[in-house]
N, C-alpha and C. Protein backbone atom coordinates (compact mmCIF):
# COMPACT_ATOMS: atom_id res chain seq x y z
N MET A 1 155.86 50.79 85.51
CA MET A 1 156.16 51.88 86.34
C MET A 1 154.92 52.77 86.57
N ALA A 2 154.65 53.08 87.74
CA ALA A 2 153.40 53.88 88.10
C ALA A 2 153.69 55.36 87.97
N HIS A 3 152.68 56.08 87.56
CA HIS A 3 152.82 57.60 87.44
C HIS A 3 151.79 58.18 88.38
N GLU A 4 152.21 59.30 88.97
CA GLU A 4 151.29 59.84 89.97
C GLU A 4 151.35 61.43 89.89
N ASN A 5 150.18 62.05 89.96
CA ASN A 5 150.03 63.50 89.99
C ASN A 5 149.81 63.92 91.48
N LEU A 6 150.90 64.38 92.16
CA LEU A 6 150.77 64.60 93.50
C LEU A 6 151.42 66.03 93.85
N VAL A 7 150.68 66.80 94.60
CA VAL A 7 151.12 68.09 95.05
C VAL A 7 150.94 68.19 96.51
N ILE A 8 152.00 68.67 97.24
CA ILE A 8 151.98 68.95 98.65
C ILE A 8 152.26 70.42 98.86
N LEU A 9 151.46 71.15 99.52
CA LEU A 9 151.66 72.59 99.79
C LEU A 9 151.54 72.81 101.30
N ILE A 10 152.40 73.67 101.85
CA ILE A 10 152.17 74.18 103.17
C ILE A 10 152.24 75.69 103.08
N GLY A 11 151.14 76.32 103.52
CA GLY A 11 151.08 77.81 103.41
C GLY A 11 150.00 78.39 104.21
N ASN A 12 149.63 79.71 103.95
CA ASN A 12 148.64 80.34 104.72
C ASN A 12 147.51 80.82 103.72
N THR A 13 146.32 80.75 104.24
CA THR A 13 145.06 81.09 103.39
C THR A 13 145.08 82.62 103.29
N GLY A 14 144.72 83.09 102.06
CA GLY A 14 144.71 84.47 101.73
C GLY A 14 143.43 85.16 102.06
N LYS A 15 142.29 84.42 102.21
CA LYS A 15 141.00 84.88 102.62
C LYS A 15 140.17 83.78 103.18
N ASP A 16 139.02 84.08 103.71
CA ASP A 16 138.08 83.05 104.07
C ASP A 16 137.65 82.20 102.97
N PRO A 17 137.39 80.87 103.21
CA PRO A 17 136.96 79.96 102.16
C PRO A 17 135.65 80.49 101.45
N GLU A 18 135.54 80.10 100.19
CA GLU A 18 134.28 80.41 99.47
C GLU A 18 133.58 79.08 99.26
N VAL A 19 132.47 78.91 99.80
CA VAL A 19 131.65 77.67 99.80
C VAL A 19 130.52 77.81 98.75
N SER A 20 130.33 76.87 97.88
CA SER A 20 129.14 76.76 97.05
C SER A 20 128.68 75.36 96.96
N TYR A 21 127.55 75.08 96.33
CA TYR A 21 126.99 73.76 96.16
C TYR A 21 126.67 73.41 94.77
N LEU A 22 126.95 72.22 94.48
CA LEU A 22 126.58 71.68 93.10
C LEU A 22 125.10 71.37 93.06
N ALA A 23 124.53 71.14 91.89
CA ALA A 23 123.16 70.74 91.84
C ALA A 23 122.89 69.40 92.56
N SER A 24 123.84 68.59 92.72
CA SER A 24 123.69 67.38 93.40
C SER A 24 123.60 67.56 94.95
N GLY A 25 123.96 68.75 95.43
CA GLY A 25 124.01 69.02 96.77
C GLY A 25 125.36 68.95 97.45
N ASN A 26 126.34 68.44 96.68
CA ASN A 26 127.68 68.36 97.23
C ASN A 26 128.35 69.70 97.30
N ALA A 27 129.11 69.93 98.41
CA ALA A 27 129.80 71.21 98.58
C ALA A 27 131.06 71.31 97.76
N VAL A 28 131.41 72.47 97.39
CA VAL A 28 132.66 72.87 96.72
C VAL A 28 133.20 74.09 97.40
N THR A 29 134.38 73.92 97.94
CA THR A 29 135.00 75.04 98.70
C THR A 29 136.31 75.42 97.95
N LYS A 30 136.50 76.73 97.77
CA LYS A 30 137.68 77.23 97.13
C LYS A 30 138.49 78.19 98.07
N ILE A 31 139.84 78.00 98.11
CA ILE A 31 140.61 78.91 98.93
C ILE A 31 141.81 79.36 98.03
N SER A 32 142.46 80.44 98.48
CA SER A 32 143.75 80.77 97.90
C SER A 32 144.78 80.54 99.06
N LEU A 33 145.90 79.88 98.58
CA LEU A 33 146.88 79.54 99.60
C LEU A 33 148.20 80.14 99.13
N ALA A 34 148.85 80.78 100.02
CA ALA A 34 150.19 81.49 99.74
C ALA A 34 151.31 80.60 100.30
N THR A 35 152.31 80.33 99.51
CA THR A 35 153.52 79.74 99.95
C THR A 35 154.69 80.69 99.76
N THR A 36 155.54 80.78 100.66
CA THR A 36 156.61 81.72 100.63
C THR A 36 158.02 80.95 100.68
N LYS A 37 158.92 81.26 99.75
CA LYS A 37 160.29 80.79 99.71
C LYS A 37 161.13 82.03 100.16
N LYS A 38 162.06 81.71 101.09
CA LYS A 38 163.00 82.70 101.58
C LYS A 38 164.45 82.14 101.31
N TRP A 39 165.34 83.00 100.93
CA TRP A 39 166.75 82.65 100.69
C TRP A 39 167.60 83.89 100.78
N THR A 40 168.88 83.65 100.84
CA THR A 40 169.89 84.74 100.81
C THR A 40 170.69 84.64 99.50
N ASP A 41 170.67 85.72 98.68
CA ASP A 41 171.33 85.63 97.35
C ASP A 41 172.85 85.76 97.58
N LYS A 42 173.59 85.73 96.43
CA LYS A 42 175.08 85.70 96.54
C LYS A 42 175.65 86.89 97.21
N SER A 43 174.91 88.04 97.07
CA SER A 43 175.52 89.23 97.80
C SER A 43 175.16 89.39 99.24
N GLY A 44 174.44 88.38 99.78
CA GLY A 44 174.07 88.36 101.14
C GLY A 44 172.71 89.05 101.45
N THR A 45 172.04 89.43 100.39
CA THR A 45 170.74 90.14 100.62
C THR A 45 169.62 89.09 100.78
N LYS A 46 168.77 89.29 101.77
CA LYS A 46 167.67 88.29 101.94
C LYS A 46 166.62 88.53 100.93
N GLN A 47 166.21 87.44 100.35
CA GLN A 47 165.13 87.47 99.31
C GLN A 47 163.91 86.69 99.74
N GLU A 48 162.72 87.07 99.23
CA GLU A 48 161.49 86.34 99.53
C GLU A 48 160.63 86.37 98.27
N LYS A 49 159.98 85.24 97.98
CA LYS A 49 159.08 85.16 96.87
C LYS A 49 157.75 84.41 97.33
N THR A 50 156.62 85.06 97.18
CA THR A 50 155.37 84.36 97.55
C THR A 50 154.63 83.92 96.31
N SER A 51 154.19 82.67 96.29
CA SER A 51 153.38 82.12 95.16
C SER A 51 151.97 81.90 95.68
N TRP A 52 150.94 82.24 94.89
CA TRP A 52 149.55 81.91 95.28
C TRP A 52 149.00 80.80 94.47
N HIS A 53 148.29 79.90 95.21
CA HIS A 53 147.73 78.61 94.66
C HIS A 53 146.26 78.63 94.83
N ARG A 54 145.54 78.31 93.79
CA ARG A 54 144.07 78.01 93.85
C ARG A 54 143.83 76.65 94.28
N VAL A 55 143.14 76.39 95.37
CA VAL A 55 142.87 75.09 95.92
C VAL A 55 141.34 74.83 96.01
N THR A 56 140.91 73.73 95.51
CA THR A 56 139.48 73.35 95.49
C THR A 56 139.29 72.05 96.28
N PHE A 57 138.25 72.08 97.19
CA PHE A 57 137.83 70.90 98.00
C PHE A 57 136.44 70.49 97.57
N PHE A 58 136.15 69.19 97.68
CA PHE A 58 134.84 68.66 97.29
C PHE A 58 134.24 67.92 98.46
N SER A 59 132.87 67.80 98.47
CA SER A 59 132.15 66.99 99.35
C SER A 59 132.39 67.35 100.86
N LYS A 60 132.58 66.24 101.63
CA LYS A 60 132.63 66.44 103.09
C LYS A 60 133.90 67.22 103.52
N LEU A 61 134.97 67.02 102.75
CA LEU A 61 136.20 67.87 103.04
C LEU A 61 135.90 69.35 102.78
N ALA A 62 135.10 69.60 101.74
CA ALA A 62 134.79 71.04 101.39
C ALA A 62 133.92 71.64 102.54
N GLU A 63 133.02 70.79 103.17
CA GLU A 63 132.21 71.32 104.26
C GLU A 63 133.11 71.61 105.46
N ILE A 64 134.04 70.71 105.79
CA ILE A 64 134.91 70.95 106.89
C ILE A 64 135.74 72.21 106.70
N VAL A 65 136.35 72.38 105.49
CA VAL A 65 137.11 73.55 105.27
C VAL A 65 136.25 74.82 105.39
N GLY A 66 135.14 74.76 104.82
CA GLY A 66 134.23 75.91 104.82
C GLY A 66 133.81 76.39 106.17
N GLU A 67 133.70 75.42 107.08
CA GLU A 67 133.35 75.74 108.49
C GLU A 67 134.41 76.12 109.43
N TYR A 68 135.68 75.49 109.26
CA TYR A 68 136.69 75.58 110.28
C TYR A 68 137.94 76.41 109.85
N VAL A 69 138.12 76.60 108.52
CA VAL A 69 139.33 77.26 108.16
C VAL A 69 139.01 78.79 107.92
N LYS A 70 139.91 79.64 108.31
CA LYS A 70 139.77 81.05 108.30
C LYS A 70 140.94 81.73 107.60
N LYS A 71 140.78 82.99 107.19
CA LYS A 71 141.81 83.81 106.55
C LYS A 71 143.08 83.75 107.45
N GLY A 72 144.31 83.56 106.85
CA GLY A 72 145.55 83.62 107.60
C GLY A 72 145.95 82.39 108.19
N GLN A 73 145.10 81.36 108.15
CA GLN A 73 145.43 80.04 108.79
C GLN A 73 146.50 79.26 108.01
N SER A 74 147.36 78.56 108.75
CA SER A 74 148.33 77.71 108.12
C SER A 74 147.78 76.32 107.86
N LEU A 75 147.99 75.85 106.62
CA LEU A 75 147.41 74.63 106.19
C LEU A 75 148.45 73.78 105.51
N TYR A 76 148.34 72.44 105.68
CA TYR A 76 149.05 71.45 104.83
C TYR A 76 147.96 70.92 103.84
N ILE A 77 148.27 70.95 102.59
CA ILE A 77 147.40 70.49 101.61
C ILE A 77 148.02 69.38 100.81
N LYS A 78 147.26 68.30 100.52
CA LYS A 78 147.81 67.23 99.60
C LYS A 78 146.76 67.07 98.53
N GLY A 79 147.08 66.98 97.27
CA GLY A 79 146.16 66.81 96.24
C GLY A 79 146.84 66.57 94.85
N GLU A 80 146.08 66.91 93.82
CA GLU A 80 146.70 66.76 92.46
C GLU A 80 146.53 68.06 91.72
N ILE A 81 147.39 68.35 90.80
CA ILE A 81 147.38 69.56 90.04
C ILE A 81 146.48 69.29 88.80
N GLN A 82 145.70 70.32 88.43
CA GLN A 82 144.81 70.24 87.30
C GLN A 82 144.96 71.46 86.50
N TYR A 83 145.09 71.32 85.13
CA TYR A 83 145.31 72.46 84.24
C TYR A 83 143.97 72.57 83.44
N GLY A 84 143.65 73.81 83.16
CA GLY A 84 142.53 74.05 82.35
C GLY A 84 142.67 75.35 81.55
N SER A 85 141.64 75.61 80.67
CA SER A 85 141.67 76.82 79.94
C SER A 85 140.28 77.27 79.66
N TYR A 86 140.11 78.53 79.42
CA TYR A 86 138.84 79.11 78.99
C TYR A 86 139.06 80.32 78.11
N GLU A 87 138.07 80.74 77.38
CA GLU A 87 138.18 81.85 76.52
C GLU A 87 137.40 83.06 77.09
N LYS A 88 138.03 84.23 77.11
CA LYS A 88 137.35 85.40 77.58
C LYS A 88 137.72 86.58 76.63
N ASP A 89 136.81 87.25 76.11
CA ASP A 89 136.97 88.40 75.16
C ASP A 89 137.95 87.92 74.00
N GLY A 90 137.78 86.68 73.54
CA GLY A 90 138.61 86.30 72.45
C GLY A 90 140.03 85.86 72.76
N VAL A 91 140.29 85.81 74.12
CA VAL A 91 141.68 85.43 74.48
C VAL A 91 141.58 84.22 75.28
N THR A 92 142.42 83.22 74.99
CA THR A 92 142.44 81.97 75.73
C THR A 92 143.30 82.16 76.97
N ARG A 93 142.69 81.85 78.11
CA ARG A 93 143.39 82.00 79.38
C ARG A 93 143.53 80.63 80.04
N TYR A 94 144.66 80.41 80.67
CA TYR A 94 145.06 79.08 81.25
C TYR A 94 144.93 79.20 82.75
N THR A 95 144.51 78.07 83.34
CA THR A 95 144.33 77.99 84.81
C THR A 95 145.16 76.80 85.36
N THR A 96 145.58 76.92 86.55
CA THR A 96 146.27 75.84 87.32
C THR A 96 145.58 75.79 88.72
N ASP A 97 145.03 74.65 88.99
CA ASP A 97 144.29 74.46 90.24
C ASP A 97 144.79 73.24 90.96
N ILE A 98 144.72 73.25 92.32
CA ILE A 98 145.07 72.08 93.10
C ILE A 98 143.66 71.54 93.59
N ILE A 99 143.48 70.23 93.27
CA ILE A 99 142.25 69.49 93.74
C ILE A 99 142.70 68.79 94.95
N ALA A 100 142.21 69.25 96.09
CA ALA A 100 142.80 68.67 97.37
C ALA A 100 142.04 67.39 97.77
N SER A 101 142.77 66.44 98.30
CA SER A 101 142.28 65.16 98.78
C SER A 101 142.45 65.11 100.26
N GLN A 102 143.45 65.91 100.85
CA GLN A 102 143.64 65.93 102.28
C GLN A 102 143.95 67.35 102.73
N MET A 103 143.65 67.68 103.97
CA MET A 103 143.96 69.01 104.47
C MET A 103 144.25 68.80 105.96
N GLN A 104 145.26 69.50 106.46
CA GLN A 104 145.64 69.46 107.80
C GLN A 104 145.92 70.91 108.31
N MET A 105 145.17 71.29 109.41
CA MET A 105 145.32 72.59 109.94
C MET A 105 146.63 72.56 110.86
N LEU A 106 147.46 73.52 110.68
CA LEU A 106 148.73 73.58 111.40
C LEU A 106 148.51 74.63 112.48
N GLY A 107 148.86 74.27 113.74
CA GLY A 107 148.80 75.22 114.82
C GLY A 107 147.23 75.34 115.13
N GLY A 108 146.91 76.40 115.78
CA GLY A 108 145.42 76.69 116.09
C GLY A 108 145.25 76.86 117.61
N ARG A 109 144.01 76.65 117.96
CA ARG A 109 143.68 76.89 119.36
C ARG A 109 144.35 76.05 120.39
N ASP A 110 144.57 74.69 120.06
CA ASP A 110 145.28 73.76 120.94
C ASP A 110 146.69 73.51 120.39
N ASP A 111 147.14 74.16 119.39
CA ASP A 111 148.43 74.02 118.76
C ASP A 111 148.69 72.61 118.26
N GLY A 112 147.64 71.84 118.13
CA GLY A 112 147.74 70.46 117.64
C GLY A 112 147.40 70.46 116.17
N ALA A 113 148.04 69.57 115.36
CA ALA A 113 147.78 69.39 114.04
C ALA A 113 146.65 68.40 113.86
N LYS A 114 145.70 68.73 113.15
CA LYS A 114 144.53 67.82 112.93
C LYS A 114 144.38 67.64 111.44
N GLU A 115 144.06 66.43 111.00
CA GLU A 115 143.89 66.06 109.64
C GLU A 115 142.48 65.76 109.24
N ALA A 116 142.07 66.22 108.04
CA ALA A 116 140.78 65.96 107.53
C ALA A 116 140.94 65.24 106.14
N GLN A 117 140.24 64.15 105.98
CA GLN A 117 140.20 63.38 104.69
C GLN A 117 138.77 63.24 104.34
N PRO A 118 138.50 63.31 103.02
CA PRO A 118 137.11 63.31 102.63
C PRO A 118 136.16 62.21 103.16
N ASP A 119 136.70 61.04 103.32
CA ASP A 119 135.88 59.87 103.76
C ASP A 119 136.13 59.53 105.22
N LYS A 120 136.86 60.40 105.97
CA LYS A 120 137.17 60.06 107.40
C LYS A 120 136.18 60.64 108.33
N TYR A 121 135.45 61.64 107.96
CA TYR A 121 134.53 62.34 108.99
C TYR A 121 133.15 62.49 108.27
N PRO A 122 132.09 62.34 109.10
CA PRO A 122 130.75 62.58 108.50
C PRO A 122 130.52 64.00 108.28
N SER A 123 129.49 64.39 107.65
CA SER A 123 129.08 65.77 107.39
C SER A 123 128.86 66.42 108.73
N HIS A 124 129.26 67.65 108.82
CA HIS A 124 129.02 68.38 110.06
C HIS A 124 127.57 68.67 110.28
N LYS A 125 127.18 68.83 111.57
CA LYS A 125 125.79 69.21 111.90
C LYS A 125 125.60 70.65 111.85
N PRO A 126 124.43 71.18 111.71
CA PRO A 126 124.17 72.59 111.70
C PRO A 126 124.60 73.25 113.01
N LYS A 127 125.05 74.48 112.91
CA LYS A 127 125.68 75.12 114.16
C LYS A 127 124.69 75.29 115.35
N ASN A 128 123.41 75.34 115.06
CA ASN A 128 122.44 75.54 116.14
C ASN A 128 122.15 74.33 116.95
N GLN A 129 122.74 73.22 116.67
CA GLN A 129 122.55 72.04 117.48
C GLN A 129 123.55 72.04 118.63
N GLU A 130 123.06 71.71 119.89
CA GLU A 130 123.83 71.76 121.05
C GLU A 130 124.88 70.65 121.11
N ASP A 131 124.59 69.57 120.47
CA ASP A 131 125.47 68.44 120.62
C ASP A 131 126.55 68.38 119.50
N GLU A 132 126.77 69.48 118.78
CA GLU A 132 127.78 69.51 117.73
C GLU A 132 129.17 69.24 118.27
N THR A 133 129.86 68.44 117.57
CA THR A 133 131.28 68.17 117.92
C THR A 133 132.22 68.55 116.73
N ILE A 134 133.30 68.92 116.97
CA ILE A 134 134.26 69.24 115.90
C ILE A 134 134.95 67.98 115.54
N PRO A 135 134.92 67.57 114.20
CA PRO A 135 135.41 66.27 113.86
C PRO A 135 136.92 66.10 113.83
N PHE A 136 137.68 67.06 114.28
CA PHE A 136 139.13 66.93 114.39
C PHE A 136 139.74 67.66 115.52
């Protein structure tokens, strides 16, 4: 029997992506993604709960997210969940992160859904080149 660590999220970004680079030169991009669940309780009152997720992208996918994703944008994210911990001021703190392997922008300028996968598109060109094309 196979085991799989798989997470799928559909939500909106809480702020613009934060891009950094590893010593190897590979990009790392982090976003916060909000997912909202809505329901009506037994008394007929509408309820809503928003959960925030920390999502990390690596390499080419990180570059694409860093360039084209903006605050408030709707995204489909597929990846795996990763747990960690660290100590601060003598207190152990626990983290939960989503390591994304795929990202799809929902809606947008042409209202088309486009998908980005890490090995599907080459690295983007600098913005000052006239022949730049958007890879999705």
